[in-house]
C-alpha atoms as a PDB file:
ATOM      1  CA  MET A   1      -0.635 -34.005  21.543  1.00  0.00           C
ATOM      2  CA  SER A   2      -1.825 -30.499  20.620  1.00  0.00           C
ATOM      3  CA  ASP A   3      -1.878 -29.340  17.024  1.00  0.00           C
ATOM      4  CA  VAL A   4      -0.602 -25.744  17.094  1.00  0.00           C
ATOM      5  CA  THR A   5      -1.296 -25.255  13.388  1.00  0.00           C
ATOM      6  CA  PHE A   6      -5.069 -25.494  13.851  1.00  0.00           C
ATOM      7  CA  THR A   7      -7.034 -22.244  13.542  1.00  0.00           C
ATOM      8  CA  ARG A   8     -10.710 -21.800  14.206  1.00  0.00           C
ATOM      9  CA  PRO A   9     -12.971 -20.942  11.247  1.00  0.00           C
ATOM     10  CA  GLU A  10     -13.907 -17.641  12.902  1.00  0.00           C
ATOM     11  CA  TYR A  11     -10.250 -16.648  13.007  1.00  0.00           C
ATOM     12  CA  ASP A  12      -9.732 -17.575   9.355  1.00  0.00           C
ATOM     13  CA  ALA A  13     -12.804 -15.541   8.359  1.00  0.00           C
ATOM     14  CA  ALA A  14     -11.610 -12.450  10.268  1.00  0.00           C
ATOM     15  CA  LYS A  15      -7.966 -12.522   9.133  1.00  0.00           C
ATOM     16  CA  ASN A  16      -8.546 -10.578   5.908  1.00  0.00           C
ATOM     17  CA  ARG A  17     -10.647  -7.942   7.664  1.00  0.00           C
ATOM     18  CA  TRP A  18      -7.932  -7.433  10.279  1.00  0.00           C
ATOM     19  CA  ARG A  19      -5.334  -7.015   7.537  1.00  0.00           C
ATOM     20  CA  LEU A  20      -7.567  -4.441   5.813  1.00  0.00           C
ATOM     21  CA  VAL A  21      -7.966  -2.422   9.015  1.00  0.00           C
ATOM     22  CA  ARG A  22      -4.203  -2.497   9.675  1.00  0.00           C
ATOM     23  CA  ASP A  23      -3.432  -1.441   6.114  1.00  0.00           C
ATOM     24  CA  VAL A  24      -5.973   1.403   6.168  1.00  0.00           C
ATOM     25  CA  CYS A  25      -4.489   2.694   9.418  1.00  0.00           C
ATOM     26  CA  LYS A  26      -1.020   2.671   7.827  1.00  0.00           C
ATOM     27  CA  GLY A  27      -2.214   4.958   5.045  1.00  0.00           C
ATOM     28  CA  SER A  28      -2.824   5.242   1.336  1.00  0.00           C
ATOM     29  CA  GLU A  29       0.716   4.227   0.392  1.00  0.00           C
ATOM     30  CA  THR A  30       0.161   0.820   1.978  1.00  0.00           C
ATOM     31  CA  ILE A  31      -3.161   0.389   0.180  1.00  0.00           C
ATOM     32  CA  LYS A  32      -1.576   1.315  -3.151  1.00  0.00           C
ATOM     33  CA  ALA A  33       1.418  -0.972  -2.510  1.00  0.00           C
ATOM     34  CA  ALA A  34      -0.963  -3.912  -1.991  1.00  0.00           C
ATOM     35  CA  GLY A  35      -1.826  -3.626  -5.676  1.00  0.00           C
ATOM     36  CA  ASP A  36      -4.656  -5.831  -6.863  1.00  0.00           C
ATOM     37  CA  ARG A  37      -5.703  -6.828  -3.347  1.00  0.00           C
ATOM     38  CA  TYR A  38      -7.617  -3.581  -2.743  1.00  0.00           C
ATOM     39  CA  LEU A  39      -7.467  -1.821  -6.117  1.00  0.00           C
ATOM     40  CA  PRO A  40      -8.532  -4.274  -8.806  1.00  0.00           C
ATOM     41  CA  ARG A  41      -7.573  -3.537 -12.387  1.00  0.00           C
ATOM     42  CA  PRO A  42     -10.450  -2.200 -14.514  1.00  0.00           C
ATOM     43  CA  ASN A  43      -9.455  -4.452 -17.406  1.00  0.00           C
ATOM     44  CA  ALA A  44      -7.450  -7.363 -16.017  1.00  0.00           C
ATOM     45  CA  ALA A  45      -7.405  -9.147 -19.381  1.00  0.00           C
ATOM     46  CA  ASP A  46      -5.486  -6.292 -21.023  1.00  0.00           C
ATOM     47  CA  THR A  47      -1.808  -6.955 -20.289  1.00  0.00           C
ATOM     48  CA  SER A  48      -0.455  -4.219 -22.541  1.00  0.00           C
ATOM     49  CA  GLU A  49       2.199  -1.838 -21.270  1.00  0.00           C
ATOM     50  CA  ASP A  50      -0.163   1.104 -21.724  1.00  0.00           C
ATOM     51  CA  ASN A  51      -2.816  -0.478 -19.497  1.00  0.00           C
ATOM     52  CA  THR A  52      -0.203  -1.346 -16.864  1.00  0.00           C
ATOM     53  CA  GLU A  53       1.069   2.244 -16.799  1.00  0.00           C
ATOM     54  CA  ARG A  54      -2.458   3.648 -16.461  1.00  0.00           C
ATOM     55  CA  TYR A  55      -3.086   1.376 -13.512  1.00  0.00           C
END
């Protein structure tokens, strides 16, 4: 019986790059909406409201 949940390692490695390309093509709003995925926080340890607003 075939296992349809199996994915090749090459596919798994390329998945994030494909998502990046799709998101870039959608525009800056999509990149900004992704939050920490593409725009990491300069000081992730600082959880203050001021730091969150600046981000």
